[in-house]
C-alpha atoms as a PDB file:
ATOM      1  CA  MET A   1      68.603 124.521 114.443  1.00  0.00           C
ATOM      2  CA  SER A   2      68.024 124.469 118.199  1.00  0.00           C
ATOM      3  CA  GLU A   3      65.634 121.523 117.836  1.00  0.00           C
ATOM      4  CA  ILE A   4      68.181 119.609 115.737  1.00  0.00           C
ATOM      5  CA  ALA A   5      70.949 120.339 118.246  1.00  0.00           C
ATOM      6  CA  ASN A   6      68.752 119.132 121.117  1.00  0.00           C
ATOM      7  CA  ALA A   7      67.915 115.981 119.179  1.00  0.00           C
ATOM      8  CA  MET A   8      71.612 115.317 118.560  1.00  0.00           C
ATOM      9  CA  ASP A   9      72.431 115.816 122.238  1.00  0.00           C
ATOM     10  CA  ASP A  10      69.601 113.487 123.214  1.00  0.00           C
ATOM     11  CA  ARG A  11      70.806 110.873 120.746  1.00  0.00           C
ATOM     12  CA  GLN A  12      74.339 111.071 122.149  1.00  0.00           C
ATOM     13  CA  ARG A  13      73.018 110.719 125.709  1.00  0.00           C
ATOM     14  CA  ARG A  14      71.024 107.594 124.798  1.00  0.00           C
ATOM     15  CA  ILE A  15      74.113 106.080 123.145  1.00  0.00           C
ATOM     16  CA  GLY A  16      75.964 106.378 126.444  1.00  0.00           C
ATOM     17  CA  GLU A  17      73.080 104.867 128.388  1.00  0.00           C
ATOM     18  CA  HIS A  18      72.828 101.969 125.955  1.00  0.00           C
ATOM     19  CA  ALA A  19      76.573 101.300 126.209  1.00  0.00           C
ATOM     20  CA  ALA A  20      76.294 101.194 130.006  1.00  0.00           C
ATOM     21  CA  ASP A  21      73.214  98.954 130.056  1.00  0.00           C
ATOM     22  CA  GLU A  22      74.579  96.460 127.532  1.00  0.00           C
ATOM     23  CA  ARG A  23      78.215  96.790 128.644  1.00  0.00           C
ATOM     24  CA  LEU A  24      79.392  96.891 125.054  1.00  0.00           C
ATOM     25  CA  PRO A  25      82.927  95.513 124.598  1.00  0.00           C
ATOM     26  CA  TRP A  26      84.339  98.602 122.867  1.00  0.00           C
ATOM     27  CA  ALA A  27      83.131 100.826 125.732  1.00  0.00           C
ATOM     28  CA  THR A  28      84.329  98.648 128.610  1.00  0.00           C
ATOM     29  CA  ARG A  29      87.746  98.084 127.004  1.00  0.00           C
ATOM     30  CA  ALA A  30      88.231 101.828 126.548  1.00  0.00           C
ATOM     31  CA  LEU A  31      86.690 103.108 129.809  1.00  0.00           C
ATOM     32  CA  GLY A  32      86.766 100.131 132.146  1.00  0.00           C
ATOM     33  CA  ASP A  33      83.823  98.465 133.874  1.00  0.00           C
ATOM     34  CA  VAL A  34      80.645 100.433 134.463  1.00  0.00           C
ATOM     35  CA  PRO A  35      80.801 101.924 138.000  1.00  0.00           C
ATOM     36  CA  ALA A  36      78.080 101.121 140.511  1.00  0.00           C
ATOM     37  CA  ASP A  37      78.051 104.618 142.019  1.00  0.00           C
ATOM     38  CA  PRO A  38      75.371 106.753 140.274  1.00  0.00           C
ATOM     39  CA  GLU A  39      77.585 109.808 139.941  1.00  0.00           C
ATOM     40  CA  ALA A  40      80.518 107.815 138.564  1.00  0.00           C
ATOM     41  CA  ARG A  41      78.147 105.939 136.262  1.00  0.00           C
ATOM     42  CA  ALA A  42      76.832 109.204 134.847  1.00  0.00           C
ATOM     43  CA  GLU A  43      80.381 110.329 134.100  1.00  0.00           C
ATOM     44  CA  TRP A  44      81.122 106.967 132.483  1.00  0.00           C
ATOM     45  CA  GLU A  45      78.005 107.274 130.311  1.00  0.00           C
ATOM     46  CA  SER A  46      79.038 110.769 129.259  1.00  0.00           C
ATOM     47  CA  LYS A  47      82.413 109.547 128.061  1.00  0.00           C
ATOM     48  CA  ALA A  48      80.896 106.522 126.330  1.00  0.00           C
ATOM     49  CA  ALA A  49      78.434 108.857 124.622  1.00  0.00           C
ATOM     50  CA  GLN A  50      81.291 110.838 123.064  1.00  0.00           C
ATOM     51  CA  LEU A  51      82.947 107.652 121.834  1.00  0.00           C
ATOM     52  CA  GLY A  52      79.671 106.285 120.505  1.00  0.00           C
ATOM     53  CA  ALA A  53      78.863 109.549 118.753  1.00  0.00           C
ATOM     54  CA  TYR A  54      82.134 109.382 116.837  1.00  0.00           C
ATOM     55  CA  ARG A  55      81.487 105.753 115.901  1.00  0.00           C
ATOM     56  CA  GLU A  56      78.016 106.530 114.617  1.00  0.00           C
ATOM     57  CA  MET A  57      78.954 109.716 112.751  1.00  0.00           C
ATOM     58  CA  PHE A  58      81.787 108.137 110.791  1.00  0.00           C
ATOM     59  CA  GLY A  59      80.652 104.531 110.554  1.00  0.00           C
ATOM     60  CA  TYR A  60      83.288 102.901 112.745  1.00  0.00           C
ATOM     61  CA  ASP A  61      81.769  99.595 113.873  1.00  0.00           C
ATOM     62  CA  HIS A  62      84.655  97.548 115.266  1.00  0.00           C
ATOM     63  CA  PRO A  63      83.258  95.576 118.225  1.00  0.00           C
ATOM     64  CA  GLY A  64      86.438  95.649 120.320  1.00  0.00           C
ATOM     65  CA  GLU A  65      88.116  98.990 119.569  1.00  0.00           C
ATOM     66  CA  ALA A  66      86.420 102.235 120.530  1.00  0.00           C
ATOM     67  CA  ILE A  67      87.595 104.717 117.899  1.00  0.00           C
ATOM     68  CA  GLY A  68      90.351 103.000 115.914  1.00  0.00           C
ATOM     69  CA  PRO A  69      93.310 104.737 114.265  1.00  0.00           C
ATOM     70  CA  GLU A  70      93.561 108.479 113.809  1.00  0.00           C
ATOM     71  CA  PRO A  71      91.987 109.692 110.534  1.00  0.00           C
ATOM     72  CA  GLY A  72      94.188 111.380 107.967  1.00  0.00           C
ATOM     73  CA  ALA A  73      94.539 115.109 107.460  1.00  0.00           C
ATOM     74  CA  ASN A  74      92.326 114.902 104.385  1.00  0.00           C
ATOM     75  CA  SER A  75      89.315 114.425 106.737  1.00  0.00           C
ATOM     76  CA  PRO A  76      89.529 117.408 109.111  1.00  0.00           C
ATOM     77  CA  GLU A  77      86.044 116.920 110.601  1.00  0.00           C
ATOM     78  CA  ALA A  78      86.653 113.242 111.369  1.00  0.00           C
ATOM     79  CA  ARG A  79      90.088 114.099 112.719  1.00  0.00           C
ATOM     80  CA  ALA A  80      88.667 116.744 115.087  1.00  0.00           C
ATOM     81  CA  GLU A  81      85.930 114.427 116.354  1.00  0.00           C
ATOM     82  CA  TRP A  82      88.472 111.630 116.824  1.00  0.00           C
ATOM     83  CA  HIS A  83      90.630 113.818 119.058  1.00  0.00           C
ATOM     84  CA  THR A  84      87.540 114.826 121.037  1.00  0.00           C
ATOM     85  CA  ALA A  85      86.699 111.172 121.584  1.00  0.00           C
ATOM     86  CA  LEU A  86      90.322 110.360 122.440  1.00  0.00           C
ATOM     87  CA  ALA A  87      90.292 112.968 125.191  1.00  0.00           C
ATOM     88  CA  ALA A  88      87.354 111.132 126.815  1.00  0.00           C
ATOM     89  CA  MET A  89      89.140 107.789 126.965  1.00  0.00           C
ATOM     90  CA  ALA A  90      90.718 106.602 130.164  1.00  0.00           C
ATOM     91  CA  HIS A  91      93.900 105.408 128.473  1.00  0.00           C
ATOM     92  CA  VAL A  92      96.912 107.663 128.589  1.00  0.00           C
ATOM     93  CA  GLU A  93      99.540 107.960 125.889  1.00  0.00           C
ATOM     94  CA  GLY A  94     102.491 105.660 126.403  1.00  0.00           C
ATOM     95  CA  ILE A  95     102.872 102.236 127.961  1.00  0.00           C
ATOM     96  CA  ASP A  96     103.081 101.618 131.714  1.00  0.00           C
ATOM     97  CA  VAL A  97     104.988  98.400 132.457  1.00  0.00           C
ATOM     98  CA  ARG A  98     106.102  99.238 135.988  1.00  0.00           C
ATOM     99  CA  ASN A  99     103.737  96.689 137.557  1.00  0.00           C
ATOM    100  CA  LEU A 100     105.116  93.748 135.533  1.00  0.00           C
ATOM    101  CA  THR A 101     107.629  91.273 136.917  1.00  0.00           C
ATOM    102  CA  ASP A 102     111.099  90.830 135.473  1.00  0.00           C
ATOM    103  CA  GLY A 103     110.062  87.585 133.806  1.00  0.00           C
ATOM    104  CA  GLN A 104     107.039  89.190 132.154  1.00  0.00           C
ATOM    105  CA  LEU A 105     109.184  92.043 130.903  1.00  0.00           C
ATOM    106  CA  LEU A 106     111.749  89.639 129.434  1.00  0.00           C
ATOM    107  CA  VAL A 107     109.013  87.763 127.583  1.00  0.00           C
ATOM    108  CA  ARG A 108     107.668  90.985 126.100  1.00  0.00           C
ATOM    109  CA  ARG A 109     111.172  92.113 125.213  1.00  0.00           C
ATOM    110  CA  ARG A 110     111.875  88.868 123.325  1.00  0.00           C
ATOM    111  CA  ALA A 111     108.749  89.456 121.273  1.00  0.00           C
ATOM    112  CA  TYR A 112     110.684  92.135 119.379  1.00  0.00           C
ATOM    113  CA  GLU A 113     112.950  89.522 117.819  1.00  0.00           C
ATOM    114  CA  ALA A 114     109.976  87.277 117.066  1.00  0.00           C
ATOM    115  CA  GLU A 115     108.087  90.059 115.264  1.00  0.00           C
ATOM    116  CA  THR A 116     111.063  91.208 113.226  1.00  0.00           C
ATOM    117  CA  SER A 117     111.854  87.641 112.143  1.00  0.00           C
ATOM    118  CA  TRP A 118     108.949  87.664 109.666  1.00  0.00           C
ATOM    119  CA  ALA A 119     109.330  91.278 108.567  1.00  0.00           C
ATOM    120  CA  PRO A 120     109.115  92.050 104.836  1.00  0.00           C
ATOM    121  CA  LYS A 121     112.231  93.527 103.316  1.00  0.00           C
ATOM    122  CA  HIS A 122     112.644  97.311 103.266  1.00  0.00           C
ATOM    123  CA  VAL A 123     112.560  98.708  99.712  1.00  0.00           C
ATOM    124  CA  ALA A 124     111.553 102.348 100.237  1.00  0.00           C
ATOM    125  CA  GLU A 125     114.825 103.852  98.976  1.00  0.00           C
ATOM    126  CA  GLU A 126     114.929 101.644  95.877  1.00  0.00           C
ATOM    127  CA  LEU A 127     111.285 102.431  95.147  1.00  0.00           C
ATOM    128  CA  ARG A 128     112.052 106.156  95.283  1.00  0.00           C
ATOM    129  CA  VAL A 129     114.941 105.704  92.843  1.00  0.00           C
ATOM    130  CA  ALA A 130     112.771 103.661  90.448  1.00  0.00           C
ATOM    131  CA  ARG A 131     110.021 106.284  90.459  1.00  0.00           C
ATOM    132  CA  ARG A 132     112.479 109.065  89.806  1.00  0.00           C
ATOM    133  CA  GLN A 133     114.159 107.159  86.966  1.00  0.00           C
ATOM    134  CA  GLU A 134     110.768 106.411  85.413  1.00  0.00           C
ATOM    135  CA  GLN A 135     109.888 110.086  85.320  1.00  0.00           C
ATOM    136  CA  PHE A 136     113.350 111.083  84.087  1.00  0.00           C
ATOM    137  CA  SER A 137     113.222 108.472  81.286  1.00  0.00           C
ATOM    138  CA  ARG A 138     109.873 109.788  80.113  1.00  0.00           C
ATOM    139  CA  ILE A 139     111.255 113.324  79.971  1.00  0.00           C
ATOM    140  CA  GLU A 140     114.400 112.274  78.088  1.00  0.00           C
ATOM    141  CA  ALA A 141     112.459 110.164  75.585  1.00  0.00           C
ATOM    142  CA  THR A 142     110.155 113.094  74.842  1.00  0.00           C
ATOM    143  CA  ARG A 143     113.077 115.491  74.506  1.00  0.00           C
ATOM    144  CA  HIS A 144     114.921 113.244  72.031  1.00  0.00           C
ATOM    145  CA  ASP A 145     111.725 112.792  70.012  1.00  0.00           C
ATOM    146  CA  HIS A 146     111.460 116.560  69.616  1.00  0.00           C
ATOM    147  CA  GLU A 147     115.172 116.809  68.821  1.00  0.00           C
ATOM    148  CA  ALA A 148     114.800 114.144  66.124  1.00  0.00           C
ATOM    149  CA  THR A 149     111.827 115.959  64.609  1.00  0.00           C
ATOM    150  CA  ALA A 150     113.738 119.256  64.565  1.00  0.00           C
ATOM    151  CA  ALA A 151     116.813 117.620  63.014  1.00  0.00           C
ATOM    152  CA  ALA A 152     114.732 115.971  60.319  1.00  0.00           C
ATOM    153  CA  ARG A 153     113.119 119.305  59.529  1.00  0.00           C
ATOM    154  CA  HIS A 154     116.565 120.797  58.894  1.00  0.00           C
ATOM    155  CA  ALA A 155     117.702 117.823  56.776  1.00  0.00           C
ATOM    156  CA  LYS A 156     120.146 116.526  59.390  1.00  0.00           C
ATOM    157  CA  SER A 157     119.511 112.823  58.890  1.00  0.00           C
ATOM    158  CA  GLU A 158     122.499 111.605  60.919  1.00  0.00           C
ATOM    159  CA  SER A 159     121.587 113.713  63.937  1.00  0.00           C
ATOM    160  CA  ALA A 160     117.931 112.706  63.614  1.00  0.00           C
ATOM    161  CA  ALA A 161     118.890 109.021  63.606  1.00  0.00           C
ATOM    162  CA  LEU A 162     120.976 109.455  66.753  1.00  0.00           C
ATOM    163  CA  HIS A 163     118.140 111.207  68.558  1.00  0.00           C
ATOM    164  CA  GLU A 164     115.646 108.528  67.455  1.00  0.00           C
ATOM    165  CA  LYS A 165     117.945 105.814  68.804  1.00  0.00           C
ATOM    166  CA  ALA A 166     118.336 107.689  72.089  1.00  0.00           C
ATOM    167  CA  ALA A 167     114.563 108.135  72.330  1.00  0.00           C
ATOM    168  CA  ARG A 168     114.020 104.386  71.894  1.00  0.00           C
ATOM    169  CA  SER A 169     116.648 103.628  74.524  1.00  0.00           C
ATOM    170  CA  TRP A 170     115.078 105.970  77.053  1.00  0.00           C
ATOM    171  CA  ALA A 171     111.583 104.641  76.262  1.00  0.00           C
ATOM    172  CA  THR A 172     112.775 101.081  76.888  1.00  0.00           C
ATOM    173  CA  LEU A 173     114.426 102.170  80.128  1.00  0.00           C
ATOM    174  CA  GLY A 174     111.222 103.884  81.186  1.00  0.00           C
ATOM    175  CA  GLN A 175     109.223 100.696  80.603  1.00  0.00           C
ATOM    176  CA  ARG A 176     111.707  98.723  82.694  1.00  0.00           C
ATOM    177  CA  ALA A 177     111.518 101.350  85.454  1.00  0.00           C
ATOM    178  CA  THR A 178     107.714 101.080  85.408  1.00  0.00           C
ATOM    179  CA  GLU A 179     107.931  97.308  85.828  1.00  0.00           C
ATOM    180  CA  VAL A 180     110.402  97.670  88.703  1.00  0.00           C
ATOM    181  CA  ARG A 181     108.187 100.306  90.314  1.00  0.00           C
ATOM    182  CA  HIS A 182     105.140  98.016  90.210  1.00  0.00           C
ATOM    183  CA  LYS A 183     107.044  95.188  91.872  1.00  0.00           C
ATOM    184  CA  LEU A 184     108.603  97.377  94.548  1.00  0.00           C
ATOM    185  CA  ALA A 185     105.386  99.298  95.239  1.00  0.00           C
ATOM    186  CA  ALA A 186     103.604  96.061  96.155  1.00  0.00           C
ATOM    187  CA  ALA A 187     106.585  95.019  98.289  1.00  0.00           C
ATOM    188  CA  HIS A 188     106.595  98.420 100.022  1.00  0.00           C
ATOM    189  CA  ASP A 189     102.854  98.219 100.773  1.00  0.00           C
ATOM    190  CA  THR A 190     103.449  94.853 102.426  1.00  0.00           C
ATOM    191  CA  ARG A 191     106.205  96.380 104.528  1.00  0.00           C
ATOM    192  CA  CYS A 192     103.905  99.235 105.612  1.00  0.00           C
ATOM    193  CA  GLU A 193     101.172  96.790 106.628  1.00  0.00           C
ATOM    194  CA  TRP A 194     103.658  94.798 108.701  1.00  0.00           C
ATOM    195  CA  GLU A 195     104.887  97.947 110.444  1.00  0.00           C
ATOM    196  CA  VAL A 196     101.354  98.987 111.406  1.00  0.00           C
ATOM    197  CA  MET A 197     100.345  95.461 112.426  1.00  0.00           C
ATOM    198  CA  THR A 198     103.345  94.840 114.688  1.00  0.00           C
ATOM    199  CA  GLU A 199     103.767  98.396 116.005  1.00  0.00           C
ATOM    200  CA  PRO A 200     101.999  97.766 119.371  1.00  0.00           C
ATOM    201  CA  THR A 201     104.123  94.672 120.081  1.00  0.00           C
ATOM    202  CA  ARG A 202     107.353  96.413 119.124  1.00  0.00           C
ATOM    203  CA  ARG A 203     106.497  99.462 121.242  1.00  0.00           C
ATOM    204  CA  LEU A 204     105.760  97.210 124.223  1.00  0.00           C
ATOM    205  CA  ALA A 205     109.092  95.430 123.701  1.00  0.00           C
ATOM    206  CA  ARG A 206     110.957  98.751 123.677  1.00  0.00           C
ATOM    207  CA  ALA A 207     109.142  99.879 126.819  1.00  0.00           C
ATOM    208  CA  SER A 208     110.040  96.582 128.522  1.00  0.00           C
ATOM    209  CA  ASP A 209     113.663  96.996 127.476  1.00  0.00           C
ATOM    210  CA  ILE A 210     113.808 100.476 129.038  1.00  0.00           C
ATOM    211  CA  GLU A 211     112.200  99.244 132.265  1.00  0.00           C
ATOM    212  CA  LEU A 212     114.592  96.286 132.565  1.00  0.00           C
ATOM    213  CA  LYS A 213     117.569  98.608 132.160  1.00  0.00           C
ATOM    214  CA  ARG A 214     116.108 100.979 134.754  1.00  0.00           C
ATOM    215  CA  ARG A 215     115.838  98.109 137.227  1.00  0.00           C
ATOM    216  CA  GLY A 216     119.402  97.017 136.513  1.00  0.00           C
ATOM    217  CA  VAL A 217     118.398  93.598 135.160  1.00  0.00           C
ATOM    218  CA  LEU A 218     119.974  94.460 131.817  1.00  0.00           C
ATOM    219  CA  GLY A 219     123.052  96.519 131.137  1.00  0.00           C
ATOM    220  CA  ARG A 220     123.100  99.660 129.059  1.00  0.00           C
ATOM    221  CA  ASP A 221     124.931  97.815 126.297  1.00  0.00           C
ATOM    222  CA  ASP A 222     122.236  95.132 125.939  1.00  0.00           C
ATOM    223  CA  GLN A 223     120.403  96.206 122.804  1.00  0.00           C
ATOM    224  CA  LEU A 224     117.196  94.853 121.338  1.00  0.00           C
ATOM    225  CA  ARG A 225     118.086  92.196 118.786  1.00  0.00           C
ATOM    226  CA  SER A 226     116.362  92.471 115.451  1.00  0.00           C
ATOM    227  CA  ALA A 227     115.951  89.489 113.133  1.00  0.00           C
ATOM    228  CA  GLU A 228     114.863  91.662 110.221  1.00  0.00           C
ATOM    229  CA  PRO A 229     116.061  90.281 106.874  1.00  0.00           C
ATOM    230  CA  GLU A 230     118.507  92.194 104.719  1.00  0.00           C
ATOM    231  CA  GLY A 231     117.154  94.133 101.766  1.00  0.00           C
ATOM    232  CA  PHE A 232     119.015  94.877  98.559  1.00  0.00           C
ATOM    233  CA  VAL A 233     122.667  93.851  98.633  1.00  0.00           C
ATOM    234  CA  TYR A 234     125.044  96.332  97.031  1.00  0.00           C
ATOM    235  CA  PRO A 235     128.501  95.439  95.749  1.00  0.00           C
ATOM    236  CA  GLN A 236     131.409  96.403  97.928  1.00  0.00           C
ATOM    237  CA  ARG A 237     132.737  99.864  97.285  1.00  0.00           C
ATOM    238  CA  ASP A 238     136.217 100.116  95.812  1.00  0.00           C
ATOM    239  CA  THR A 239     138.259 101.769  98.544  1.00  0.00           C
ATOM    240  CA  VAL A 240     141.515 101.960  96.579  1.00  0.00           C
ATOM    241  CA  LYS A 241     141.971 105.545  95.465  1.00  0.00           C
ATOM    242  CA  ASN A 242     144.666 108.179  95.411  1.00  0.00           C
ATOM    243  CA  VAL A 243     144.806 109.817  98.828  1.00  0.00           C
ATOM    244  CA  TRP A 244     147.236 112.593  99.739  1.00  0.00           C
ATOM    245  CA  VAL A 245     148.681 112.120 103.222  1.00  0.00           C
ATOM    246  CA  GLN A 246     151.160 114.105 105.296  1.00  0.00           C
ATOM    247  CA  PRO A 247     154.232 112.030 106.297  1.00  0.00           C
ATOM    248  CA  ARG A 248     155.179 111.978 109.961  1.00  0.00           C
ATOM    249  CA  LEU A 249     158.518 113.167 111.289  1.00  0.00           C
ATOM    250  CA  ASP A 250     159.785 109.579 111.475  1.00  0.00           C
ATOM    251  CA  GLY A 251     158.946 108.963 107.804  1.00  0.00           C
ATOM    252  CA  THR A 252     155.837 106.829 108.388  1.00  0.00           C
ATOM    253  CA  VAL A 253     152.354 107.688 107.167  1.00  0.00           C
ATOM    254  CA  GLU A 254     148.872 106.817 108.405  1.00  0.00           C
ATOM    255  CA  LEU A 255     146.292 106.009 105.767  1.00  0.00           C
ATOM    256  CA  PRO A 256     142.603 106.646 106.445  1.00  0.00           C
ATOM    257  CA  ARG A 257     140.983 103.623 108.081  1.00  0.00           C
ATOM    258  CA  HIS A 258     137.434 104.160 106.884  1.00  0.00           C
ATOM    259  CA  PRO A 259     136.275 105.051 103.372  1.00  0.00           C
ATOM    260  CA  GLU A 260     134.622 108.375 102.818  1.00  0.00           C
ATOM    261  CA  PRO A 261     130.825 108.296 103.033  1.00  0.00           C
ATOM    262  CA  LEU A 262     128.903 108.089  99.783  1.00  0.00           C
ATOM    263  CA  THR A 263     127.285 111.205  98.436  1.00  0.00           C
ATOM    264  CA  SER A 264     123.597 111.226  97.522  1.00  0.00           C
ATOM    265  CA  ALA A 265     124.476 111.051  93.827  1.00  0.00           C
ATOM    266  CA  GLU A 266     126.737 108.037  94.400  1.00  0.00           C
ATOM    267  CA  ARG A 267     124.066 106.244  96.429  1.00  0.00           C
ATOM    268  CA  GLU A 268     121.484 106.830  93.709  1.00  0.00           C
ATOM    269  CA  GLU A 269     123.851 105.635  90.986  1.00  0.00           C
ATOM    270  CA  ARG A 270     124.531 102.421  92.917  1.00  0.00           C
ATOM    271  CA  ALA A 271     120.798 101.852  93.374  1.00  0.00           C
ATOM    272  CA  LEU A 272     120.173 102.350  89.650  1.00  0.00           C
ATOM    273  CA  ARG A 273     122.781  99.737  88.783  1.00  0.00           C
ATOM    274  CA  VAL A 274     121.395  97.226  91.285  1.00  0.00           C
ATOM    275  CA  LEU A 275     117.880  97.745  89.883  1.00  0.00           C
ATOM    276  CA  GLY A 276     119.082  97.492  86.282  1.00  0.00           C
ATOM    277  CA  LEU A 277     117.830 100.987  85.420  1.00  0.00           C
ATOM    278  CA  THR A 278     120.842 102.212  83.463  1.00  0.00           C
ATOM    279  CA  LEU A 279     121.232 102.570  79.703  1.00  0.00           C
ATOM    280  CA  ASP A 280     124.027  99.995  79.575  1.00  0.00           C
ATOM    281  CA  TYR A 281     121.832  97.272  81.112  1.00  0.00           C
ATOM    282  CA  ASP A 282     120.874  95.134  78.112  1.00  0.00           C
ATOM    283  CA  LEU A 283     119.404  91.966  79.655  1.00  0.00           C
ATOM    284  CA  PRO A 284     115.749  91.223  78.808  1.00  0.00           C
ATOM    285  CA  GLU A 285     114.784  90.194  82.357  1.00  0.00           C
ATOM    286  CA  LEU A 286     114.936  92.240  85.540  1.00  0.00           C
ATOM    287  CA  PRO A 287     117.838  91.798  87.988  1.00  0.00           C
ATOM    288  CA  LEU A 288     117.563  88.731  90.183  1.00  0.00           C
ATOM    289  CA  GLN A 289     117.387  90.721  93.420  1.00  0.00           C
ATOM    290  CA  VAL A 290     114.274  92.597  92.293  1.00  0.00           C
ATOM    291  CA  ASN A 291     112.354  89.386  91.588  1.00  0.00           C
ATOM    292  CA  GLU A 292     113.602  87.642  94.729  1.00  0.00           C
ATOM    293  CA  ILE A 293     112.670  90.508  97.054  1.00  0.00           C
ATOM    294  CA  ALA A 294     109.283  90.942  95.387  1.00  0.00           C
ATOM    295  CA  GLU A 295     108.579  87.219  95.818  1.00  0.00           C
ATOM    296  CA  TYR A 296     109.796  87.282  99.442  1.00  0.00           C
ATOM    297  CA  ASN A 297     107.473  90.157 100.347  1.00  0.00           C
ATOM    298  CA  ARG A 298     104.635  88.428  98.492  1.00  0.00           C
ATOM    299  CA  MET A 299     105.039  85.461 100.841  1.00  0.00           C
ATOM    300  CA  ARG A 300     104.989  87.820 103.812  1.00  0.00           C
ATOM    301  CA  GLN A 301     101.790  89.391 102.444  1.00  0.00           C
ATOM    302  CA  ALA A 302     100.146  85.954 102.499  1.00  0.00           C
ATOM    303  CA  GLU A 303     101.119  85.599 106.151  1.00  0.00           C
ATOM    304  CA  ILE A 304      99.732  89.061 106.919  1.00  0.00           C
ATOM    305  CA  ASP A 305      96.433  88.130 105.250  1.00  0.00           C
ATOM    306  CA  GLU A 306      96.285  84.951 107.307  1.00  0.00           C
ATOM    307  CA  ARG A 307      96.892  86.785 110.579  1.00  0.00           C
ATOM    308  CA  ARG A 308      94.364  89.434 109.648  1.00  0.00           C
ATOM    309  CA  SER A 309      91.640  86.758 109.573  1.00  0.00           C
ATOM    310  CA  MET A 310      92.304  85.788 113.205  1.00  0.00           C
ATOM    311  CA  ARG A 311      89.817  87.084 115.759  1.00  0.00           C
ATOM    312  CA  ILE A 312      90.041  87.771 119.501  1.00  0.00           C
ATOM    313  CA  PRO A 313      87.794  85.347 121.430  1.00  0.00           C
ATOM    314  CA  ALA A 314      85.538  86.684 124.156  1.00  0.00           C
ATOM    315  CA  GLU A 315      86.024  85.734 127.799  1.00  0.00           C
ATOM    316  CA  GLU A 316      82.695  83.874 127.844  1.00  0.00           C
ATOM    317  CA  PRO A 317      81.768  81.345 125.110  1.00  0.00           C
ATOM    318  CA  ASP A 318      78.303  82.823 124.530  1.00  0.00           C
ATOM    319  CA  GLU A 319      79.550  86.412 124.092  1.00  0.00           C
ATOM    320  CA  ILE A 320      80.502  87.993 120.795  1.00  0.00           C
ATOM    321  CA  ASN A 321      84.172  88.053 119.907  1.00  0.00           C
ATOM    322  CA  LEU A 322      86.192  91.238 120.249  1.00  0.00           C
ATOM    323  CA  GLY A 323      86.908  91.676 116.560  1.00  0.00           C
ATOM    324  CA  GLU A 324      89.989  91.070 114.509  1.00  0.00           C
ATOM    325  CA  ALA A 325      93.245  90.413 116.333  1.00  0.00           C
ATOM    326  CA  TRP A 326      95.128  92.665 113.919  1.00  0.00           C
ATOM    327  CA  SER A 327      92.514  95.133 112.738  1.00  0.00           C
ATOM    328  CA  VAL A 328      94.719  98.124 111.941  1.00  0.00           C
ATOM    329  CA  VAL A 329      96.060  97.815 108.422  1.00  0.00           C
ATOM    330  CA  ALA A 330      98.080 100.464 106.619  1.00  0.00           C
ATOM    331  CA  GLU A 331      95.993 102.448 104.172  1.00  0.00           C
ATOM    332  CA  ARG A 332      97.016 105.063 101.675  1.00  0.00           C
ATOM    333  CA  GLN A 333      95.472 108.378 102.615  1.00  0.00           C
ATOM    334  CA  CYS A 334      96.199 111.020 100.020  1.00  0.00           C
ATOM    335  CA  GLU A 335      96.889 114.346 101.648  1.00  0.00           C
ATOM    336  CA  ALA A 336      96.555 117.725 100.017  1.00  0.00           C
ATOM    337  CA  ILE A 337      99.723 118.603  98.104  1.00  0.00           C
ATOM    338  CA  ILE A 338     100.295 121.862  96.258  1.00  0.00           C
ATOM    339  CA  GLN A 339     100.885 121.005  92.618  1.00  0.00           C
ATOM    340  CA  PRO A 340     102.613 123.680  90.496  1.00  0.00           C
ATOM    341  CA  PRO A 341     101.164 124.187  87.025  1.00  0.00           C
ATOM    342  CA  ASN A 342     102.783 122.301  84.191  1.00  0.00           C
ATOM    343  CA  PRO A 343     105.090 124.411  81.982  1.00  0.00           C
END
């Protein structure tokens, strides 16, 4: 074990030396240029060795980024080594824009509107409702099937027929919910990829906005403008309802100006109606909004795929490029979840 540990340490040391000799792009971008002073160079090589060890252990080979995104909690060893490598990097958490001019800050601030202008539509809440209705429809269809079987066993033909009809209705609703879920799941994945891809630009825009307000260039009321498109459109809520009010001493009354906020049950019911996931929805095709939003996000996915193919050119023509311009793409990492046993 001691021999293996010494061999691993020696391998890590040679990785740092190689990164310093070749001035690899991922090392110089993370740690800066290789110092000329021998003592500083040795420290630089030590840090590059930790970064290179993580890259070699877990197969991260991006030419421009040192360690990439943080691994998920389902890989504790990779996560621990990633944090060890992160501690060796020269970058600090957060964005420092204090050395930029007002014009440079304004340009970076306007990038927020440019990035949100091609954002996919947000469908997370509707996707949650569709998944829940799919599961609930499956449960109800199974329950009515058992009820119909029990009624037929006791010679209750009328009750059995009603339960069979209800089971068919819930089964049809479940199939429609599955179709809606498939469409919205793809749209939601596109949205997640856009959020990860544009997160550095949006963070820089927010940091520039804060710095401009600190300098007094912008007022406190100047907010970042978002060009994000609207998602599902819900019908206007009926605000006419019986409200008890206390008359004033002069005989006048003051009605409430704003409607009461929707409860969670009311919000879910509205979402079910917009998605066409109610028993009284009898059209063969899905609601128009579902298809339109799915098609809109599909177009945004094509744009994401196109941008993902772009690469960062090197400073010199004969050097290798620095990898993909947008290399961080949202991935589903399944975490450990306690699952109770089925009844």
